């Protein structure tokens, strides 16, 4: 009996460790009292990779930036936002055409959410059979939703030909998507659809336009280190120097 009790005790000890070692399907982290980072996961090259998106709570509803990479989390994210904030999602933006950003556009459109991409993103989405948005932006666009204002800015090609960034001028939040890599990343990730010659120039345009962000949100790494943009520029400069 004593051995049996010890065995159960050991199981109770290791169960939390097992749970901690497994990523949840959906994680939501408060950046501020209105900005939230949500993270889903997918498998890339046999490795589970996180994909960060962001949403902002306004008095008129919630605005989402990028959609979950994990297709099973489209509705759980909506449910979590409703339960936490008692607000519906009213708009969703995708920052480039890859599926880690656009996968949920069609689903959210069917739910009555206004979905947005640039016209360039729509062209690439159509060409590559990716999900497409209902509303298209022809150029850099300023939005006012409730009491918050944000800018859509296309700085040039980098990770993809169509990657955009989002800027909240009052709060100084820069949402960089896949264009900006984490401060601890050792490379710029997948470049098969990118422009290695222009990547550094594109990042420098972002840095010049938004020189003093308080937060920089990146797609697949930790967003707490403000050196992410500077580090990304350094890595992109090496691409040109190496003649990649």
C-alpha atoms as a PDB file:
ATOM      1  CA  UNK A   1       0.000   0.000   0.000  1.00  0.00           C
ATOM      2  CA  UNK A   2       2.810   2.415   0.860  1.00  0.00           C
ATOM      3  CA  UNK A   3       4.448   1.728  -2.509  1.00  0.00           C
ATOM      4  CA  UNK A   4       1.108   2.354  -4.232  1.00  0.00           C
ATOM      5  CA  UNK A   5       0.659   5.699  -2.464  1.00  0.00           C
ATOM      6  CA  UNK A   6       4.187   6.703  -3.382  1.00  0.00           C
ATOM      7  CA  UNK A   7       3.460   5.864  -7.005  1.00  0.00           C
ATOM      8  CA  UNK A   8       0.355   8.043  -7.009  1.00  0.00           C
ATOM      9  CA  UNK A   9       2.341  10.812  -5.338  1.00  0.00           C
ATOM     10  CA  UNK A  10       4.959  10.613  -8.072  1.00  0.00           C
ATOM     11  CA  UNK A  11       2.265  10.800 -10.747  1.00  0.00           C
ATOM     12  CA  UNK A  12       0.847  13.953  -9.148  1.00  0.00           C
ATOM     13  CA  UNK A  13       4.320  15.475  -9.186  1.00  0.00           C
ATOM     14  CA  UNK A  14       5.085  14.733 -12.819  1.00  0.00           C
ATOM     15  CA  UNK A  15       1.645  15.615 -14.223  1.00  0.00           C
ATOM     16  CA  UNK A  16       2.183  19.412 -13.897  1.00  0.00           C
ATOM     17  CA  UNK A  17       5.620  19.016 -15.476  1.00  0.00           C
ATOM     18  CA  UNK A  18       4.111  17.185 -18.440  1.00  0.00           C
ATOM     19  CA  UNK A  19       1.443  19.888 -18.796  1.00  0.00           C
ATOM     20  CA  UNK A  20       4.055  22.637 -18.663  1.00  0.00           C
ATOM     21  CA  UNK A  21       6.104  20.989 -21.403  1.00  0.00           C
ATOM     22  CA  UNK A  22       3.138  20.985 -23.833  1.00  0.00           C
ATOM     23  CA  UNK A  23       2.153  24.266 -25.445  1.00  0.00           C
ATOM     24  CA  UNK A  24      -1.528  25.181 -25.164  1.00  0.00           C
ATOM     25  CA  UNK A  25      -3.355  25.480 -28.473  1.00  0.00           C
ATOM     26  CA  UNK A  26      -4.191  29.107 -27.727  1.00  0.00           C
ATOM     27  CA  UNK A  27      -2.443  31.518 -25.385  1.00  0.00           C
ATOM     28  CA  UNK A  28      -3.510  35.127 -24.740  1.00  0.00           C
ATOM     29  CA  UNK A  29      -1.130  37.562 -23.038  1.00  0.00           C
ATOM     30  CA  UNK A  30      -1.901  41.142 -22.031  1.00  0.00           C
ATOM     31  CA  UNK A  31       0.519  43.676 -23.500  1.00  0.00           C
ATOM     32  CA  UNK A  32      -1.396  46.610 -21.951  1.00  0.00           C
ATOM     33  CA  UNK A  33      -4.939  46.958 -20.685  1.00  0.00           C
ATOM     34  CA  UNK A  34      -6.233  47.167 -24.282  1.00  0.00           C
ATOM     35  CA  UNK A  35      -3.561  45.407 -26.371  1.00  0.00           C
ATOM     36  CA  UNK A  36      -3.361  41.618 -26.240  1.00  0.00           C
ATOM     37  CA  UNK A  37      -1.039  39.159 -27.957  1.00  0.00           C
ATOM     38  CA  UNK A  38      -2.539  35.809 -28.871  1.00  0.00           C
ATOM     39  CA  UNK A  39      -0.393  32.837 -29.815  1.00  0.00           C
ATOM     40  CA  UNK A  40      -1.268  29.668 -31.681  1.00  0.00           C
ATOM     41  CA  UNK A  41       1.055  26.912 -32.888  1.00  0.00           C
ATOM     42  CA  UNK A  42       1.715  24.900 -36.010  1.00  0.00           C
ATOM     43  CA  UNK A  43       4.382  22.499 -37.246  1.00  0.00           C
ATOM     44  CA  UNK A  44       7.121  23.756 -39.554  1.00  0.00           C
ATOM     45  CA  UNK A  45      10.030  21.518 -40.538  1.00  0.00           C
ATOM     46  CA  UNK A  46       9.069  19.001 -37.827  1.00  0.00           C
ATOM     47  CA  UNK A  47       9.153  21.679 -35.126  1.00  0.00           C
ATOM     48  CA  UNK A  48       6.247  23.252 -33.297  1.00  0.00           C
ATOM     49  CA  UNK A  49       6.431  26.972 -34.048  1.00  0.00           C
ATOM     50  CA  UNK A  50       4.461  29.750 -32.298  1.00  0.00           C
ATOM     51  CA  UNK A  51       2.615  32.362 -34.345  1.00  0.00           C
ATOM     52  CA  UNK A  52       1.748  35.640 -32.625  1.00  0.00           C
ATOM     53  CA  UNK A  53      -1.166  37.836 -33.544  1.00  0.00           C
ATOM     54  CA  UNK A  54      -2.573  40.865 -31.764  1.00  0.00           C
ATOM     55  CA  UNK A  55      -5.957  42.321 -30.960  1.00  0.00           C
ATOM     56  CA  UNK A  56      -7.040  45.680 -29.584  1.00  0.00           C
ATOM     57  CA  UNK A  57     -10.131  46.291 -27.474  1.00  0.00           C
ATOM     58  CA  UNK A  58     -12.016  49.484 -28.379  1.00  0.00           C
ATOM     59  CA  UNK A  59     -15.370  50.812 -27.246  1.00  0.00           C
ATOM     60  CA  UNK A  60     -16.794  49.886 -30.656  1.00  0.00           C
ATOM     61  CA  UNK A  61     -15.458  46.329 -30.707  1.00  0.00           C
ATOM     62  CA  UNK A  62     -12.255  44.329 -31.033  1.00  0.00           C
ATOM     63  CA  UNK A  63      -9.825  44.721 -33.933  1.00  0.00           C
ATOM     64  CA  UNK A  64      -7.661  41.694 -34.780  1.00  0.00           C
ATOM     65  CA  UNK A  65      -4.316  41.709 -36.544  1.00  0.00           C
ATOM     66  CA  UNK A  66      -3.545  38.446 -38.333  1.00  0.00           C
ATOM     67  CA  UNK A  67      -5.508  35.253 -37.839  1.00  0.00           C
ATOM     68  CA  UNK A  68      -4.562  32.038 -36.015  1.00  0.00           C
ATOM     69  CA  UNK A  69      -2.156  29.715 -37.793  1.00  0.00           C
ATOM     70  CA  UNK A  70      -3.845  26.736 -36.145  1.00  0.00           C
ATOM     71  CA  UNK A  71      -7.142  26.388 -38.007  1.00  0.00           C
ATOM     72  CA  UNK A  72      -8.797  24.716 -35.012  1.00  0.00           C
ATOM     73  CA  UNK A  73      -8.447  27.959 -33.043  1.00  0.00           C
ATOM     74  CA  UNK A  74     -10.492  30.349 -35.199  1.00  0.00           C
ATOM     75  CA  UNK A  75     -13.630  30.032 -33.064  1.00  0.00           C
ATOM     76  CA  UNK A  76     -11.898  29.479 -29.694  1.00  0.00           C
ATOM     77  CA  UNK A  77     -10.143  32.831 -30.169  1.00  0.00           C
ATOM     78  CA  UNK A  78     -13.477  34.576 -30.799  1.00  0.00           C
ATOM     79  CA  UNK A  79     -14.993  32.811 -27.802  1.00  0.00           C
ATOM     80  CA  UNK A  80     -12.064  33.757 -25.567  1.00  0.00           C
ATOM     81  CA  UNK A  81     -12.242  37.411 -26.611  1.00  0.00           C
ATOM     82  CA  UNK A  82     -16.008  37.525 -25.991  1.00  0.00           C
ATOM     83  CA  UNK A  83     -15.659  35.862 -22.582  1.00  0.00           C
ATOM     84  CA  UNK A  84     -12.773  38.049 -21.491  1.00  0.00           C
ATOM     85  CA  UNK A  85     -13.863  41.441 -22.843  1.00  0.00           C
ATOM     86  CA  UNK A  86     -17.602  41.054 -23.558  1.00  0.00           C
ATOM     87  CA  UNK A  87     -16.938  42.506 -26.992  1.00  0.00           C
ATOM     88  CA  UNK A  88     -17.209  41.007 -30.482  1.00  0.00           C
ATOM     89  CA  UNK A  89     -14.422  41.093 -33.067  1.00  0.00           C
ATOM     90  CA  UNK A  90     -15.502  43.575 -35.740  1.00  0.00           C
ATOM     91  CA  UNK A  91     -12.418  43.823 -37.996  1.00  0.00           C
ATOM     92  CA  UNK A  92      -9.509  41.543 -38.941  1.00  0.00           C
ATOM     93  CA  UNK A  93      -6.363  42.520 -40.856  1.00  0.00           C
ATOM     94  CA  UNK A  94      -3.738  40.225 -42.390  1.00  0.00           C
ATOM     95  CA  UNK A  95      -0.190  41.560 -42.741  1.00  0.00           C
ATOM     96  CA  UNK A  96       0.838  39.360 -45.702  1.00  0.00           C
ATOM     97  CA  UNK A  97      -0.447  36.454 -47.756  1.00  0.00           C
ATOM     98  CA  UNK A  98       1.127  33.453 -45.963  1.00  0.00           C
ATOM     99  CA  UNK A  99      -1.277  31.111 -44.187  1.00  0.00           C
ATOM    100  CA  UNK A 100       0.037  31.930 -40.706  1.00  0.00           C
ATOM    101  CA  UNK A 101      -1.606  35.343 -41.269  1.00  0.00           C
ATOM    102  CA  UNK A 102      -4.501  34.768 -43.666  1.00  0.00           C
ATOM    103  CA  UNK A 103      -5.833  31.299 -42.785  1.00  0.00           C
ATOM    104  CA  UNK A 104      -8.847  32.608 -40.865  1.00  0.00           C
ATOM    105  CA  UNK A 105      -9.946  35.403 -43.201  1.00  0.00           C
ATOM    106  CA  UNK A 106     -12.690  33.446 -44.919  1.00  0.00           C
ATOM    107  CA  UNK A 107     -13.968  31.996 -41.647  1.00  0.00           C
ATOM    108  CA  UNK A 108     -14.141  35.403 -39.989  1.00  0.00           C
ATOM    109  CA  UNK A 109     -15.820  36.971 -43.014  1.00  0.00           C
ATOM    110  CA  UNK A 110     -18.524  34.318 -42.749  1.00  0.00           C
ATOM    111  CA  UNK A 111     -18.969  35.358 -39.116  1.00  0.00           C
ATOM    112  CA  UNK A 112     -19.744  38.919 -40.194  1.00  0.00           C
ATOM    113  CA  UNK A 113     -16.313  40.337 -39.362  1.00  0.00           C
ATOM    114  CA  UNK A 114     -14.881  42.858 -41.817  1.00  0.00           C
ATOM    115  CA  UNK A 115     -11.639  41.412 -43.198  1.00  0.00           C
ATOM    116  CA  UNK A 116      -8.860  43.513 -44.753  1.00  0.00           C
ATOM    117  CA  UNK A 117      -5.654  43.095 -46.731  1.00  0.00           C
ATOM    118  CA  UNK A 118      -3.799  45.259 -49.213  1.00  0.00           C
ATOM    119  CA  UNK A 119      -4.570  44.769 -52.892  1.00  0.00           C
ATOM    120  CA  UNK A 120      -1.057  43.348 -53.358  1.00  0.00           C
ATOM    121  CA  UNK A 121      -1.730  40.752 -50.660  1.00  0.00           C
ATOM    122  CA  UNK A 122      -4.988  39.850 -52.356  1.00  0.00           C
ATOM    123  CA  UNK A 123      -3.226  39.340 -55.686  1.00  0.00           C
ATOM    124  CA  UNK A 124      -0.680  37.020 -54.075  1.00  0.00           C
ATOM    125  CA  UNK A 125      -3.371  35.214 -52.073  1.00  0.00           C
ATOM    126  CA  UNK A 126      -5.335  34.556 -55.251  1.00  0.00           C
ATOM    127  CA  UNK A 127      -2.212  33.378 -57.076  1.00  0.00           C
ATOM    128  CA  UNK A 128      -1.224  31.025 -54.230  1.00  0.00           C
ATOM    129  CA  UNK A 129      -4.715  29.791 -53.302  1.00  0.00           C
ATOM    130  CA  UNK A 130      -4.555  31.461 -49.888  1.00  0.00           C
ATOM    131  CA  UNK A 131      -7.592  32.860 -48.090  1.00  0.00           C
ATOM    132  CA  UNK A 132      -8.663  36.336 -49.190  1.00  0.00           C
ATOM    133  CA  UNK A 133     -10.199  39.349 -47.489  1.00  0.00           C
ATOM    134  CA  UNK A 134     -13.461  41.117 -48.315  1.00  0.00           C
ATOM    135  CA  UNK A 135     -12.011  44.647 -48.181  1.00  0.00           C
ATOM    136  CA  UNK A 136      -8.849  45.771 -49.980  1.00  0.00           C
ATOM    137  CA  UNK A 137      -6.531  48.706 -49.309  1.00  0.00           C
ATOM    138  CA  UNK A 138      -4.857  50.358 -52.287  1.00  0.00           C
ATOM    139  CA  UNK A 139      -2.286  52.321 -50.306  1.00  0.00           C
ATOM    140  CA  UNK A 140      -1.178  53.206 -46.777  1.00  0.00           C
ATOM    141  CA  UNK A 141      -4.339  53.777 -44.792  1.00  0.00           C
ATOM    142  CA  UNK A 142      -5.308  55.439 -41.511  1.00  0.00           C
ATOM    143  CA  UNK A 143      -8.107  53.871 -39.450  1.00  0.00           C
ATOM    144  CA  UNK A 144     -10.028  55.227 -36.482  1.00  0.00           C
ATOM    145  CA  UNK A 145     -11.955  52.610 -34.515  1.00  0.00           C
ATOM    146  CA  UNK A 146     -13.647  53.779 -31.355  1.00  0.00           C
ATOM    147  CA  UNK A 147     -11.102  55.864 -29.484  1.00  0.00           C
ATOM    148  CA  UNK A 148      -8.006  54.375 -31.171  1.00  0.00           C
ATOM    149  CA  UNK A 149      -6.186  55.295 -34.335  1.00  0.00           C
ATOM    150  CA  UNK A 150      -3.755  53.112 -36.279  1.00  0.00           C
ATOM    151  CA  UNK A 151      -1.814  53.286 -39.530  1.00  0.00           C
ATOM    152  CA  UNK A 152      -1.284  50.630 -42.184  1.00  0.00           C
ATOM    153  CA  UNK A 153       2.180  51.104 -43.723  1.00  0.00           C
ATOM    154  CA  UNK A 154       3.789  49.253 -46.601  1.00  0.00           C
ATOM    155  CA  UNK A 155       7.565  49.813 -46.276  1.00  0.00           C
ATOM    156  CA  UNK A 156       8.609  47.675 -49.246  1.00  0.00           C
ATOM    157  CA  UNK A 157       9.411  44.003 -49.890  1.00  0.00           C
ATOM    158  CA  UNK A 158      11.212  41.891 -47.312  1.00  0.00           C
ATOM    159  CA  UNK A 159       9.823  38.673 -45.855  1.00  0.00           C
ATOM    160  CA  UNK A 160       7.330  38.770 -48.727  1.00  0.00           C
ATOM    161  CA  UNK A 161       6.594  41.237 -51.509  1.00  0.00           C
ATOM    162  CA  UNK A 162       3.471  42.475 -49.716  1.00  0.00           C
ATOM    163  CA  UNK A 163       4.356  42.615 -45.983  1.00  0.00           C
ATOM    164  CA  UNK A 164       2.867  45.547 -44.083  1.00  0.00           C
ATOM    165  CA  UNK A 165       3.286  46.846 -40.539  1.00  0.00           C
ATOM    166  CA  UNK A 166       0.734  48.444 -38.208  1.00  0.00           C
ATOM    167  CA  UNK A 167       1.455  51.501 -36.071  1.00  0.00           C
ATOM    168  CA  UNK A 168      -0.520  52.914 -33.142  1.00  0.00           C
ATOM    169  CA  UNK A 169       0.862  56.469 -32.823  1.00  0.00           C
ATOM    170  CA  UNK A 170      -0.575  57.401 -29.426  1.00  0.00           C
ATOM    171  CA  UNK A 171       0.407  54.158 -27.726  1.00  0.00           C
ATOM    172  CA  UNK A 172       3.567  53.741 -29.868  1.00  0.00           C
ATOM    173  CA  UNK A 173       2.894  50.081 -30.573  1.00  0.00           C
ATOM    174  CA  UNK A 174       4.519  48.721 -33.733  1.00  0.00           C
ATOM    175  CA  UNK A 175       3.072  45.475 -35.029  1.00  0.00           C
ATOM    176  CA  UNK A 176       5.734  44.072 -37.341  1.00  0.00           C
ATOM    177  CA  UNK A 177       4.354  40.668 -38.272  1.00  0.00           C
ATOM    178  CA  UNK A 178       6.836  38.377 -40.018  1.00  0.00           C
ATOM    179  CA  UNK A 179       8.879  41.250 -41.430  1.00  0.00           C
ATOM    180  CA  UNK A 180      10.602  41.854 -38.070  1.00  0.00           C
ATOM    181  CA  UNK A 181      12.344  38.957 -36.343  1.00  0.00           C
ATOM    182  CA  UNK A 182      13.015  38.464 -32.648  1.00  0.00           C
ATOM    183  CA  UNK A 183      16.084  39.916 -30.961  1.00  0.00           C
ATOM    184  CA  UNK A 184      17.388  36.410 -30.245  1.00  0.00           C
ATOM    185  CA  UNK A 185      16.727  34.962 -33.695  1.00  0.00           C
ATOM    186  CA  UNK A 186      19.758  33.780 -35.648  1.00  0.00           C
ATOM    187  CA  UNK A 187      18.310  34.293 -39.128  1.00  0.00           C
ATOM    188  CA  UNK A 188      15.470  35.952 -41.017  1.00  0.00           C
ATOM    189  CA  UNK A 189      13.503  32.757 -41.427  1.00  0.00           C
ATOM    190  CA  UNK A 190      11.912  31.599 -44.658  1.00  0.00           C
ATOM    191  CA  UNK A 191      12.967  33.818 -47.561  1.00  0.00           C
ATOM    192  CA  UNK A 192      11.588  31.817 -50.483  1.00  0.00           C
ATOM    193  CA  UNK A 193       8.909  34.440 -51.152  1.00  0.00           C
ATOM    194  CA  UNK A 194      11.001  37.381 -49.999  1.00  0.00           C
ATOM    195  CA  UNK A 195      13.371  39.962 -51.407  1.00  0.00           C
ATOM    196  CA  UNK A 196      16.807  39.612 -49.852  1.00  0.00           C
ATOM    197  CA  UNK A 197      18.262  42.593 -51.733  1.00  0.00           C
ATOM    198  CA  UNK A 198      15.634  45.020 -50.441  1.00  0.00           C
ATOM    199  CA  UNK A 199      14.982  43.493 -46.999  1.00  0.00           C
ATOM    200  CA  UNK A 200      17.398  45.789 -45.152  1.00  0.00           C
ATOM    201  CA  UNK A 201      16.152  48.920 -46.919  1.00  0.00           C
ATOM    202  CA  UNK A 202      12.569  47.991 -46.110  1.00  0.00           C
ATOM    203  CA  UNK A 203      13.368  47.548 -42.409  1.00  0.00           C
ATOM    204  CA  UNK A 204      15.257  50.840 -42.362  1.00  0.00           C
ATOM    205  CA  UNK A 205      12.169  52.601 -43.717  1.00  0.00           C
ATOM    206  CA  UNK A 206      10.197  51.193 -40.795  1.00  0.00           C
ATOM    207  CA  UNK A 207      12.875  52.356 -38.363  1.00  0.00           C
ATOM    208  CA  UNK A 208      12.964  55.822 -39.899  1.00  0.00           C
ATOM    209  CA  UNK A 209       9.187  56.240 -39.901  1.00  0.00           C
ATOM    210  CA  UNK A 210       8.696  54.875 -36.369  1.00  0.00           C
ATOM    211  CA  UNK A 211      11.925  55.654 -34.486  1.00  0.00           C
ATOM    212  CA  UNK A 212      10.717  55.334 -30.882  1.00  0.00           C
ATOM    213  CA  UNK A 213       8.284  52.448 -30.388  1.00  0.00           C
ATOM    214  CA  UNK A 214       7.394  51.360 -26.866  1.00  0.00           C
ATOM    215  CA  UNK A 215       6.517  47.862 -28.062  1.00  0.00           C
ATOM    216  CA  UNK A 216       7.485  45.888 -31.178  1.00  0.00           C
ATOM    217  CA  UNK A 217       5.387  42.806 -31.832  1.00  0.00           C
ATOM    218  CA  UNK A 218       7.009  40.084 -33.946  1.00  0.00           C
ATOM    219  CA  UNK A 219       5.329  37.030 -35.423  1.00  0.00           C
ATOM    220  CA  UNK A 220       7.301  34.001 -34.281  1.00  0.00           C
ATOM    221  CA  UNK A 221       9.492  35.050 -31.355  1.00  0.00           C
ATOM    222  CA  UNK A 222       9.443  36.868 -28.037  1.00  0.00           C
ATOM    223  CA  UNK A 223       8.186  40.445 -28.397  1.00  0.00           C
ATOM    224  CA  UNK A 224       9.575  41.855 -25.142  1.00  0.00           C
ATOM    225  CA  UNK A 225      12.972  42.920 -26.496  1.00  0.00           C
ATOM    226  CA  UNK A 226      12.963  46.254 -28.361  1.00  0.00           C
ATOM    227  CA  UNK A 227      16.226  45.312 -30.100  1.00  0.00           C
ATOM    228  CA  UNK A 228      14.228  43.154 -32.521  1.00  0.00           C
ATOM    229  CA  UNK A 229      14.081  45.758 -35.307  1.00  0.00           C
ATOM    230  CA  UNK A 230      17.750  46.746 -34.952  1.00  0.00           C
ATOM    231  CA  UNK A 231      18.787  43.080 -34.909  1.00  0.00           C
ATOM    232  CA  UNK A 232      16.652  42.338 -37.966  1.00  0.00           C
ATOM    233  CA  UNK A 233      18.335  45.172 -39.859  1.00  0.00           C
ATOM    234  CA  UNK A 234      21.755  43.784 -38.953  1.00  0.00           C
ATOM    235  CA  UNK A 235      20.802  40.339 -40.236  1.00  0.00           C
ATOM    236  CA  UNK A 236      19.303  41.808 -43.420  1.00  0.00           C
ATOM    237  CA  UNK A 237      22.455  43.855 -44.033  1.00  0.00           C
ATOM    238  CA  UNK A 238      24.449  40.603 -43.905  1.00  0.00           C
ATOM    239  CA  UNK A 239      22.270  39.140 -46.652  1.00  0.00           C
ATOM    240  CA  UNK A 240      23.403  41.907 -49.004  1.00  0.00           C
ATOM    241  CA  UNK A 241      27.021  41.720 -47.856  1.00  0.00           C
ATOM    242  CA  UNK A 242      27.072  37.963 -48.413  1.00  0.00           C
ATOM    243  CA  UNK A 243      25.485  38.340 -51.820  1.00  0.00           C
ATOM    244  CA  UNK A 244      22.603  36.046 -50.891  1.00  0.00           C
END
